[in-house]
Amino acid sequence: MSGNLEKEGEAALVAASATLNVDLVKAPHHGSKTSSTESFVKATQARLAVISVGLTSMFGHPRPEVVERWKAAGAEVITTGRRGTITVSTDGTDLRVDSFVH
């Protein structure tokens, strides 16, 4: 859903639907400070936020304040930098999260 979405795109999604209501979100733009706005994070109501990012990032991604924003909204935050490839599957009711590094 989110790709490299930044705050303007997030605002458009939130304006279209005050509640996006998802179980899982791929956090936009590698957890940069230009995305994962408070209104977007709250609207998703995500239980899990996956951030696609290297173990180290020359851009400082994910930004600590972005990680904290997701956590404060109740989401578990996992990154590909720490967990490697992350695979999520569902039976329509439950999510199963597997990763290369546990």
PDB file of N, CA and C in Angstrom:
ATOM      1  N   MET A   1       0.813  -1.182   0.000  1.00  0.00           N
ATOM      2  CA  MET A   1       0.000   0.000   0.000  1.00  0.00           C
ATOM      3  C   MET A   1       0.861   1.252   0.000  1.00  0.00           C
ATOM      4  N   SER A   2       1.980   1.289   0.704  1.00  0.00           N
ATOM      5  CA  SER A   2       2.609   2.565   0.978  1.00  0.00           C
ATOM      6  C   SER A   2       3.837   2.904   0.144  1.00  0.00           C
ATOM      7  N   GLY A   3       4.643   1.932  -0.229  1.00  0.00           N
ATOM      8  CA  GLY A   3       5.828   2.199  -1.043  1.00  0.00           C
ATOM      9  C   GLY A   3       6.631   3.383  -0.561  1.00  0.00           C
ATOM     10  N   ASN A   4       6.891   4.339  -1.445  1.00  0.00           N
ATOM     11  CA  ASN A   4       7.621   5.551  -1.090  1.00  0.00           C
ATOM     12  C   ASN A   4       6.682   6.728  -0.839  1.00  0.00           C
ATOM     13  N   LEU A   5       5.503   6.424  -0.376  1.00  0.00           N
ATOM     14  CA  LEU A   5       4.510   7.440  -0.052  1.00  0.00           C
ATOM     15  C   LEU A   5       5.084   8.418   0.975  1.00  0.00           C
ATOM     16  N   GLU A   6       4.837   9.693   0.759  1.00  0.00           N
ATOM     17  CA  GLU A   6       5.256  10.699   1.722  1.00  0.00           C
ATOM     18  C   GLU A   6       4.019  11.381   2.291  1.00  0.00           C
ATOM     19  N   LYS A   7       4.223  12.392   3.134  1.00  0.00           N
ATOM     20  CA  LYS A   7       3.116  12.959   3.911  1.00  0.00           C
ATOM     21  C   LYS A   7       1.936  13.448   3.072  1.00  0.00           C
ATOM     22  N   GLU A   8       2.183  13.979   1.876  1.00  0.00           N
ATOM     23  CA  GLU A   8       1.077  14.441   1.041  1.00  0.00           C
ATOM     24  C   GLU A   8       0.192  13.275   0.593  1.00  0.00           C
ATOM     25  N   GLY A   9       0.806  12.176   0.197  1.00  0.00           N
ATOM     26  CA  GLY A   9       0.061  10.989  -0.193  1.00  0.00           C
ATOM     27  C   GLY A   9      -0.666  10.364   0.976  1.00  0.00           C
ATOM     28  N   GLU A  10      -0.014  10.351   2.132  1.00  0.00           N
ATOM     29  CA  GLU A  10      -0.666   9.836   3.329  1.00  0.00           C
ATOM     30  C   GLU A  10      -1.903  10.664   3.662  1.00  0.00           C
ATOM     31  N   ALA A  11      -1.777  11.991   3.558  1.00  0.00           N
ATOM     32  CA  ALA A  11      -2.900  12.883   3.851  1.00  0.00           C
ATOM     33  C   ALA A  11      -4.073  12.603   2.914  1.00  0.00           C
ATOM     34  N   ALA A  12      -3.775  12.315   1.652  1.00  0.00           N
ATOM     35  CA  ALA A  12      -4.845  12.000   0.687  1.00  0.00           C
ATOM     36  C   ALA A  12      -5.551  10.705   1.069  1.00  0.00           C
ATOM     37  N   LEU A  13      -4.800   9.706   1.501  1.00  0.00           N
ATOM     38  CA  LEU A  13      -5.416   8.446   1.929  1.00  0.00           C
ATOM     39  C   LEU A  13      -6.285   8.649   3.167  1.00  0.00           C
ATOM     40  N   VAL A  14      -5.774   9.393   4.123  1.00  0.00           N
ATOM     41  CA  VAL A  14      -6.532   9.647   5.350  1.00  0.00           C
ATOM     42  C   VAL A  14      -7.790  10.465   5.034  1.00  0.00           C
ATOM     43  N   ALA A  15      -7.681  11.432   4.127  1.00  0.00           N
ATOM     44  CA  ALA A  15      -8.847  12.238   3.741  1.00  0.00           C
ATOM     45  C   ALA A  15      -9.914  11.389   3.061  1.00  0.00           C
ATOM     46  N   ALA A  16      -9.483  10.366   2.328  1.00  0.00           N
ATOM     47  CA  ALA A  16     -10.425   9.489   1.632  1.00  0.00           C
ATOM     48  C   ALA A  16     -11.143   8.554   2.592  1.00  0.00           C
ATOM     49  N   SER A  17     -10.478   8.219   3.691  1.00  0.00           N
ATOM     50  CA  SER A  17     -11.065   7.310   4.678  1.00  0.00           C
ATOM     51  C   SER A  17     -10.403   7.564   6.020  1.00  0.00           C
ATOM     52  N   ALA A  18     -11.143   8.070   6.975  1.00  0.00           N
ATOM     53  CA  ALA A  18     -10.573   8.412   8.280  1.00  0.00           C
ATOM     54  C   ALA A  18      -9.959   7.208   8.973  1.00  0.00           C
ATOM     55  N   THR A  19     -10.461   6.007   8.670  1.00  0.00           N
ATOM     56  CA  THR A  19      -9.912   4.787   9.243  1.00  0.00           C
ATOM     57  C   THR A  19      -9.505   3.858   8.113  1.00  0.00           C
ATOM     58  N   LEU A  20      -8.215   3.597   8.010  1.00  0.00           N
ATOM     59  CA  LEU A  20      -7.727   2.691   6.968  1.00  0.00           C
ATOM     60  C   LEU A  20      -7.790   1.239   7.434  1.00  0.00           C
ATOM     61  N   ASN A  21      -7.725   1.026   8.763  1.00  0.00           N
ATOM     62  CA  ASN A  21      -7.972  -0.258   9.399  1.00  0.00           C
ATOM     63  C   ASN A  21      -7.272  -1.440   8.724  1.00  0.00           C
ATOM     64  N   VAL A  22      -5.970  -1.539   8.933  1.00  0.00           N
ATOM     65  CA  VAL A  22      -5.184  -2.646   8.402  1.00  0.00           C
ATOM     66  C   VAL A  22      -4.524  -3.401   9.545  1.00  0.00           C
ATOM     67  N   ASP A  23      -4.224  -4.661   9.317  1.00  0.00           N
ATOM     68  CA  ASP A  23      -3.489  -5.435  10.315  1.00  0.00           C
ATOM     69  C   ASP A  23      -1.995  -5.213  10.184  1.00  0.00           C
ATOM     70  N   LEU A  24      -1.556  -5.057   8.939  1.00  0.00           N
ATOM     71  CA  LEU A  24      -0.131  -4.963   8.622  1.00  0.00           C
ATOM     72  C   LEU A  24       0.100  -3.814   7.665  1.00  0.00           C
ATOM     73  N   VAL A  25       1.142  -3.045   7.915  1.00  0.00           N
ATOM     74  CA  VAL A  25       1.521  -1.983   6.994  1.00  0.00           C
ATOM     75  C   VAL A  25       3.019  -2.068   6.723  1.00  0.00           C
ATOM     76  N   LYS A  26       3.376  -1.902   5.446  1.00  0.00           N
ATOM     77  CA  LYS A  26       4.779  -1.720   5.101  1.00  0.00           C
ATOM     78  C   LYS A  26       4.997  -0.230   5.269  1.00  0.00           C
ATOM     79  N   ALA A  27       5.721   0.137   6.313  1.00  0.00           N
ATOM     80  CA  ALA A  27       5.894   1.559   6.625  1.00  0.00           C
ATOM     81  C   ALA A  27       6.485   2.292   5.428  1.00  0.00           C
ATOM     82  N   PRO A  28       5.910   3.436   5.092  1.00  0.00           N
ATOM     83  CA  PRO A  28       6.358   4.162   3.912  1.00  0.00           C
ATOM     84  C   PRO A  28       7.800   4.667   3.992  1.00  0.00           C
ATOM     85  N   HIS A  29       8.405   4.726   2.842  1.00  0.00           N
ATOM     86  CA  HIS A  29       9.682   5.401   2.609  1.00  0.00           C
ATOM     87  C   HIS A  29      10.781   5.023   3.603  1.00  0.00           C
ATOM     88  N   HIS A  30      10.863   3.726   3.914  1.00  0.00           N
ATOM     89  CA  HIS A  30      11.939   3.168   4.741  1.00  0.00           C
ATOM     90  C   HIS A  30      11.997   3.756   6.151  1.00  0.00           C
ATOM     91  N   GLY A  31      10.871   4.299   6.620  1.00  0.00           N
ATOM     92  CA  GLY A  31      10.842   4.881   7.961  1.00  0.00           C
ATOM     93  C   GLY A  31      11.456   6.269   8.028  1.00  0.00           C
ATOM     94  N   SER A  32      11.410   6.997   6.909  1.00  0.00           N
ATOM     95  CA  SER A  32      11.996   8.344   6.885  1.00  0.00           C
ATOM     96  C   SER A  32      11.106   9.340   7.615  1.00  0.00           C
ATOM     97  N   LYS A  33      11.677  10.498   7.929  1.00  0.00           N
ATOM     98  CA  LYS A  33      10.920  11.536   8.629  1.00  0.00           C
ATOM     99  C   LYS A  33       9.881  12.222   7.745  1.00  0.00           C
ATOM    100  N   THR A  34       9.899  11.932   6.445  1.00  0.00           N
ATOM    101  CA  THR A  34       8.933  12.539   5.524  1.00  0.00           C
ATOM    102  C   THR A  34       7.676  11.684   5.357  1.00  0.00           C
ATOM    103  N   SER A  35       7.559  10.652   6.169  1.00  0.00           N
ATOM    104  CA  SER A  35       6.394   9.770   6.063  1.00  0.00           C
ATOM    105  C   SER A  35       6.025   9.239   7.445  1.00  0.00           C
ATOM    106  N   SER A  36       5.011   8.378   7.482  1.00  0.00           N
ATOM    107  CA  SER A  36       4.480   7.845   8.739  1.00  0.00           C
ATOM    108  C   SER A  36       4.054   8.972   9.672  1.00  0.00           C
ATOM    109  N   THR A  37       3.257   9.886   9.104  1.00  0.00           N
ATOM    110  CA  THR A  37       2.728  10.982   9.909  1.00  0.00           C
ATOM    111  C   THR A  37       1.805  10.434  10.986  1.00  0.00           C
ATOM    112  N   GLU A  38       1.614  11.204  12.028  1.00  0.00           N
ATOM    113  CA  GLU A  38       0.777  10.758  13.135  1.00  0.00           C
ATOM    114  C   GLU A  38      -0.633  10.407  12.669  1.00  0.00           C
ATOM    115  N   SER A  39      -1.208  11.227  11.787  1.00  0.00           N
ATOM    116  CA  SER A  39      -2.580  10.952  11.325  1.00  0.00           C
ATOM    117  C   SER A  39      -2.639   9.659  10.509  1.00  0.00           C
ATOM    118  N   PHE A  40      -1.630   9.404   9.686  1.00  0.00           N
ATOM    119  CA  PHE A  40      -1.591   8.175   8.896  1.00  0.00           C
ATOM    120  C   PHE A  40      -1.428   6.955   9.803  1.00  0.00           C
ATOM    121  N   VAL A  41      -0.487   7.038  10.728  1.00  0.00           N
ATOM    122  CA  VAL A  41      -0.245   5.919  11.641  1.00  0.00           C
ATOM    123  C   VAL A  41      -1.510   5.592  12.430  1.00  0.00           C
ATOM    124  N   LYS A  42      -2.172   6.602  12.964  1.00  0.00           N
ATOM    125  CA  LYS A  42      -3.415   6.376  13.725  1.00  0.00           C
ATOM    126  C   LYS A  42      -4.516   5.804  12.847  1.00  0.00           C
ATOM    127  N   ALA A  43      -4.627   6.291  11.611  1.00  0.00           N
ATOM    128  CA  ALA A  43      -5.690   5.828  10.712  1.00  0.00           C
ATOM    129  C   ALA A  43      -5.517   4.369  10.322  1.00  0.00           C
ATOM    130  N   THR A  44      -4.277   3.893  10.221  1.00  0.00           N
ATOM    131  CA  THR A  44      -4.075   2.500   9.812  1.00  0.00           C
ATOM    132  C   THR A  44      -4.528   1.515  10.878  1.00  0.00           C
ATOM    133  N   GLN A  45      -4.355   1.878  12.128  1.00  0.00           N
ATOM    134  CA  GLN A  45      -4.650   0.973  13.243  1.00  0.00           C
ATOM    135  C   GLN A  45      -3.903  -0.355  13.096  1.00  0.00           C
ATOM    136  N   ALA A  46      -2.687  -0.288  12.548  1.00  0.00           N
ATOM    137  CA  ALA A  46      -1.908  -1.500  12.266  1.00  0.00           C
ATOM    138  C   ALA A  46      -1.426  -2.187  13.537  1.00  0.00           C
ATOM    139  N   ARG A  47      -1.461  -3.497  13.506  1.00  0.00           N
ATOM    140  CA  ARG A  47      -0.877  -4.299  14.586  1.00  0.00           C
ATOM    141  C   ARG A  47       0.601  -4.539  14.343  1.00  0.00           C
ATOM    142  N   LEU A  48       1.010  -4.492  13.062  1.00  0.00           N
ATOM    143  CA  LEU A  48       2.388  -4.773  12.682  1.00  0.00           C
ATOM    144  C   LEU A  48       2.833  -3.772  11.627  1.00  0.00           C
ATOM    145  N   ALA A  49       3.993  -3.155  11.845  1.00  0.00           N
ATOM    146  CA  ALA A  49       4.590  -2.250  10.863  1.00  0.00           C
ATOM    147  C   ALA A  49       5.938  -2.839  10.456  1.00  0.00           C
ATOM    148  N   VAL A  50       6.087  -3.111   9.178  1.00  0.00           N
ATOM    149  CA  VAL A  50       7.333  -3.647   8.635  1.00  0.00           C
ATOM    150  C   VAL A  50       8.051  -2.500   7.938  1.00  0.00           C
ATOM    151  N   ILE A  51       9.323  -2.311   8.295  1.00  0.00           N
ATOM    152  CA  ILE A  51      10.117  -1.261   7.668  1.00  0.00           C
ATOM    153  C   ILE A  51      11.216  -1.928   6.855  1.00  0.00           C
ATOM    154  N   SER A  52      11.196  -1.655   5.559  1.00  0.00           N
ATOM    155  CA  SER A  52      12.200  -2.190   4.646  1.00  0.00           C
ATOM    156  C   SER A  52      13.401  -1.252   4.654  1.00  0.00           C
ATOM    157  N   VAL A  53      14.504  -1.734   5.230  1.00  0.00           N
ATOM    158  CA  VAL A  53      15.680  -0.890   5.413  1.00  0.00           C
ATOM    159  C   VAL A  53      16.892  -1.777   5.666  1.00  0.00           C
ATOM    160  N   GLY A  54      18.072  -1.294   5.343  1.00  0.00           N
ATOM    161  CA  GLY A  54      19.294  -2.041   5.633  1.00  0.00           C
ATOM    162  C   GLY A  54      19.623  -1.994   7.119  1.00  0.00           C
ATOM    163  N   LEU A  55      20.581  -2.808   7.526  1.00  0.00           N
ATOM    164  CA  LEU A  55      21.000  -2.819   8.927  1.00  0.00           C
ATOM    165  C   LEU A  55      21.521  -1.447   9.332  1.00  0.00           C
ATOM    166  N   THR A  56      22.240  -0.814   8.422  1.00  0.00           N
ATOM    167  CA  THR A  56      22.665   0.576   8.626  1.00  0.00           C
ATOM    168  C   THR A  56      22.218   1.370   7.403  1.00  0.00           C
ATOM    169  N   SER A  57      21.906   2.626   7.622  1.00  0.00           N
ATOM    170  CA  SER A  57      21.422   3.474   6.527  1.00  0.00           C
ATOM    171  C   SER A  57      22.150   4.812   6.566  1.00  0.00           C
ATOM    172  N   MET A  58      22.723   5.194   5.452  1.00  0.00           N
ATOM    173  CA  MET A  58      23.403   6.483   5.391  1.00  0.00           C
ATOM    174  C   MET A  58      22.426   7.648   5.574  1.00  0.00           C
ATOM    175  N   PHE A  59      21.136   7.368   5.441  1.00  0.00           N
ATOM    176  CA  PHE A  59      20.111   8.393   5.624  1.00  0.00           C
ATOM    177  C   PHE A  59      19.522   8.387   7.028  1.00  0.00           C
ATOM    178  N   GLY A  60      19.971   7.469   7.869  1.00  0.00           N
ATOM    179  CA  GLY A  60      19.466   7.391   9.237  1.00  0.00           C
ATOM    180  C   GLY A  60      18.108   6.735   9.362  1.00  0.00           C
ATOM    181  N   HIS A  61      17.751   5.910   8.373  1.00  0.00           N
ATOM    182  CA  HIS A  61      16.469   5.210   8.409  1.00  0.00           C
ATOM    183  C   HIS A  61      16.590   3.889   9.157  1.00  0.00           C
ATOM    184  N   PRO A  62      15.573   3.472   9.841  1.00  0.00           N
ATOM    185  CA  PRO A  62      14.362   4.228  10.124  1.00  0.00           C
ATOM    186  C   PRO A  62      14.633   5.278  11.203  1.00  0.00           C
ATOM    187  N   ARG A  63      13.961   6.384  11.104  1.00  0.00           N
ATOM    188  CA  ARG A  63      14.121   7.446  12.091  1.00  0.00           C
ATOM    189  C   ARG A  63      13.523   6.979  13.417  1.00  0.00           C
ATOM    190  N   PRO A  64      14.235   7.190  14.527  1.00  0.00           N
ATOM    191  CA  PRO A  64      13.730   6.747  15.834  1.00  0.00           C
ATOM    192  C   PRO A  64      12.333   7.277  16.154  1.00  0.00           C
ATOM    193  N   GLU A  65      12.046   8.514  15.777  1.00  0.00           N
ATOM    194  CA  GLU A  65      10.729   9.073  16.077  1.00  0.00           C
ATOM    195  C   GLU A  65       9.627   8.381  15.280  1.00  0.00           C
ATOM    196  N   VAL A  66       9.960   7.871  14.105  1.00  0.00           N
ATOM    197  CA  VAL A  66       8.981   7.133  13.305  1.00  0.00           C
ATOM    198  C   VAL A  66       8.696   5.778  13.952  1.00  0.00           C
ATOM    199  N   VAL A  67       9.752   5.089  14.365  1.00  0.00           N
ATOM    200  CA  VAL A  67       9.582   3.802  15.054  1.00  0.00           C
ATOM    201  C   VAL A  67       8.731   4.006  16.312  1.00  0.00           C
ATOM    202  N   GLU A  68       9.023   5.035  17.076  1.00  0.00           N
ATOM    203  CA  GLU A  68       8.264   5.302  18.302  1.00  0.00           C
ATOM    204  C   GLU A  68       6.817   5.658  18.006  1.00  0.00           C
ATOM    205  N   ARG A  69       6.576   6.358  16.903  1.00  0.00           N
ATOM    206  CA  ARG A  69       5.201   6.718  16.526  1.00  0.00           C
ATOM    207  C   ARG A  69       4.375   5.461  16.268  1.00  0.00           C
ATOM    208  N   TRP A  70       4.953   4.510  15.524  1.00  0.00           N
ATOM    209  CA  TRP A  70       4.248   3.249  15.264  1.00  0.00           C
ATOM    210  C   TRP A  70       4.012   2.490  16.562  1.00  0.00           C
ATOM    211  N   LYS A  71       5.035   2.420  17.404  1.00  0.00           N
ATOM    212  CA  LYS A  71       4.894   1.693  18.676  1.00  0.00           C
ATOM    213  C   LYS A  71       3.845   2.336  19.572  1.00  0.00           C
ATOM    214  N   ALA A  72       3.859   3.662  19.647  1.00  0.00           N
ATOM    215  CA  ALA A  72       2.891   4.373  20.490  1.00  0.00           C
ATOM    216  C   ALA A  72       1.457   4.128  20.035  1.00  0.00           C
ATOM    217  N   ALA A  73       1.284   3.851  18.749  1.00  0.00           N
ATOM    218  CA  ALA A  73      -0.049   3.555  18.213  1.00  0.00           C
ATOM    219  C   ALA A  73      -0.427   2.085  18.395  1.00  0.00           C
ATOM    220  N   GLY A  74       0.470   1.306  18.980  1.00  0.00           N
ATOM    221  CA  GLY A  74       0.148  -0.084  19.280  1.00  0.00           C
ATOM    222  C   GLY A  74       0.685  -1.108  18.305  1.00  0.00           C
ATOM    223  N   ALA A  75       1.508  -0.682  17.352  1.00  0.00           N
ATOM    224  CA  ALA A  75       2.042  -1.626  16.369  1.00  0.00           C
ATOM    225  C   ALA A  75       3.366  -2.224  16.829  1.00  0.00           C
ATOM    226  N   GLU A  76       3.547  -3.490  16.546  1.00  0.00           N
ATOM    227  CA  GLU A  76       4.864  -4.100  16.678  1.00  0.00           C
ATOM    228  C   GLU A  76       5.647  -3.650  15.444  1.00  0.00           C
ATOM    229  N   VAL A  77       6.888  -3.246  15.625  1.00  0.00           N
ATOM    230  CA  VAL A  77       7.706  -2.769  14.513  1.00  0.00           C
ATOM    231  C   VAL A  77       8.841  -3.749  14.275  1.00  0.00           C
ATOM    232  N   ILE A  78       8.966  -4.228  13.034  1.00  0.00           N
ATOM    233  CA  ILE A  78      10.096  -5.069  12.669  1.00  0.00           C
ATOM    234  C   ILE A  78      10.744  -4.501  11.413  1.00  0.00           C
ATOM    235  N   THR A  79      12.058  -4.676  11.305  1.00  0.00           N
ATOM    236  CA  THR A  79      12.778  -4.157  10.142  1.00  0.00           C
ATOM    237  C   THR A  79      13.502  -5.287   9.423  1.00  0.00           C
ATOM    238  N   THR A  80      13.633  -5.114   8.117  1.00  0.00           N
ATOM    239  CA  THR A  80      14.380  -6.099   7.333  1.00  0.00           C
ATOM    240  C   THR A  80      15.862  -6.036   7.674  1.00  0.00           C
ATOM    241  N   GLY A  81      16.338  -4.892   8.130  1.00  0.00           N
ATOM    242  CA  GLY A  81      17.734  -4.779   8.524  1.00  0.00           C
ATOM    243  C   GLY A  81      18.092  -5.701   9.667  1.00  0.00           C
ATOM    244  N   ARG A  82      17.186  -5.887  10.574  1.00  0.00           N
ATOM    245  CA  ARG A  82      17.431  -6.771  11.725  1.00  0.00           C
ATOM    246  C   ARG A  82      16.912  -8.192  11.514  1.00  0.00           C
ATOM    247  N   ARG A  83      15.866  -8.344  10.696  1.00  0.00           N
ATOM    248  CA  ARG A  83      15.223  -9.651  10.551  1.00  0.00           C
ATOM    249  C   ARG A  83      15.453 -10.310   9.198  1.00  0.00           C
ATOM    250  N   GLY A  84      16.089  -9.600   8.254  1.00  0.00           N
ATOM    251  CA  GLY A  84      16.274 -10.156   6.921  1.00  0.00           C
ATOM    252  C   GLY A  84      14.940 -10.189   6.184  1.00  0.00           C
ATOM    253  N   THR A  85      14.813 -11.119   5.255  1.00  0.00           N
ATOM    254  CA  THR A  85      13.572 -11.238   4.490  1.00  0.00           C
ATOM    255  C   THR A  85      12.418 -11.531   5.434  1.00  0.00           C
ATOM    256  N   ILE A  86      11.348 -10.759   5.292  1.00  0.00           N
ATOM    257  CA  ILE A  86      10.159 -10.935   6.125  1.00  0.00           C
ATOM    258  C   ILE A  86       9.023 -11.386   5.211  1.00  0.00           C
ATOM    259  N   THR A  87       8.410 -12.509   5.579  1.00  0.00           N
ATOM    260  CA  THR A  87       7.300 -13.059   4.819  1.00  0.00           C
ATOM    261  C   THR A  87       6.075 -13.091   5.717  1.00  0.00           C
ATOM    262  N   VAL A  88       4.978 -12.569   5.214  1.00  0.00           N
ATOM    263  CA  VAL A  88       3.736 -12.577   5.971  1.00  0.00           C
ATOM    264  C   VAL A  88       2.703 -13.351   5.168  1.00  0.00           C
ATOM    265  N   SER A  89       2.034 -14.287   5.824  1.00  0.00           N
ATOM    266  CA  SER A  89       0.967 -15.041   5.173  1.00  0.00           C
ATOM    267  C   SER A  89      -0.261 -15.013   6.083  1.00  0.00           C
ATOM    268  N   THR A  90      -1.399 -15.297   5.486  1.00  0.00           N
ATOM    269  CA  THR A  90      -2.638 -15.290   6.258  1.00  0.00           C
ATOM    270  C   THR A  90      -3.562 -16.398   5.765  1.00  0.00           C
ATOM    271  N   ASP A  91      -4.380 -16.874   6.674  1.00  0.00           N
ATOM    272  CA  ASP A  91      -5.437 -17.817   6.313  1.00  0.00           C
ATOM    273  C   ASP A  91      -6.770 -17.085   6.197  1.00  0.00           C
ATOM    274  N   GLY A  92      -6.712 -15.778   6.225  1.00  0.00           N
ATOM    275  CA  GLY A  92      -7.907 -14.952   6.178  1.00  0.00           C
ATOM    276  C   GLY A  92      -8.334 -14.482   7.550  1.00  0.00           C
ATOM    277  N   THR A  93      -7.760 -15.081   8.587  1.00  0.00           N
ATOM    278  CA  THR A  93      -8.083 -14.706   9.953  1.00  0.00           C
ATOM    279  C   THR A  93      -6.837 -14.284  10.724  1.00  0.00           C
ATOM    280  N   ASP A  94      -5.829 -15.127  10.677  1.00  0.00           N
ATOM    281  CA  ASP A  94      -4.598 -14.878  11.424  1.00  0.00           C
ATOM    282  C   ASP A  94      -3.447 -14.559  10.483  1.00  0.00           C
ATOM    283  N   LEU A  95      -2.503 -13.741  10.988  1.00  0.00           N
ATOM    284  CA  LEU A  95      -1.270 -13.455  10.253  1.00  0.00           C
ATOM    285  C   LEU A  95      -0.170 -14.355  10.769  1.00  0.00           C
ATOM    286  N   ARG A  96       0.662 -14.819   9.858  1.00  0.00           N
ATOM    287  CA  ARG A  96       1.857 -15.578  10.232  1.00  0.00           C
ATOM    288  C   ARG A  96       3.045 -14.800   9.683  1.00  0.00           C
ATOM    289  N   VAL A  97       3.985 -14.465  10.564  1.00  0.00           N
ATOM    290  CA  VAL A  97       5.158 -13.692  10.171  1.00  0.00           C
ATOM    291  C   VAL A  97       6.377 -14.586  10.339  1.00  0.00           C
ATOM    292  N   ASP A  98       7.110 -14.729   9.230  1.00  0.00           N
ATOM    293  CA  ASP A  98       8.357 -15.488   9.249  1.00  0.00           C
ATOM    294  C   ASP A  98       9.463 -14.552   8.777  1.00  0.00           C
ATOM    295  N   SER A  99      10.653 -14.770   9.302  1.00  0.00           N
ATOM    296  CA  SER A  99      11.772 -13.961   8.852  1.00  0.00           C
ATOM    297  C   SER A  99      13.021 -14.817   8.783  1.00  0.00           C
ATOM    298  N   PHE A 100      13.990 -14.327   8.028  1.00  0.00           N
ATOM    299  CA  PHE A 100      15.252 -15.047   7.837  1.00  0.00           C
ATOM    300  C   PHE A 100      16.011 -15.149   9.143  1.00  0.00           C
ATOM    301  N   VAL A 101      16.027 -14.059   9.920  1.00  0.00           N
ATOM    302  CA  VAL A 101      16.677 -14.017  11.220  1.00  0.00           C
ATOM    303  C   VAL A 101      15.596 -13.909  12.268  1.00  0.00           C
ATOM    304  N   HIS A 102      15.630 -14.761  13.256  1.00  0.00           N
ATOM    305  CA  HIS A 102      14.579 -14.728  14.303  1.00  0.00           C
ATOM    306  C   HIS A 102      15.084 -14.052  15.484  1.00  0.00           C
TER     307      HIS A 102
END
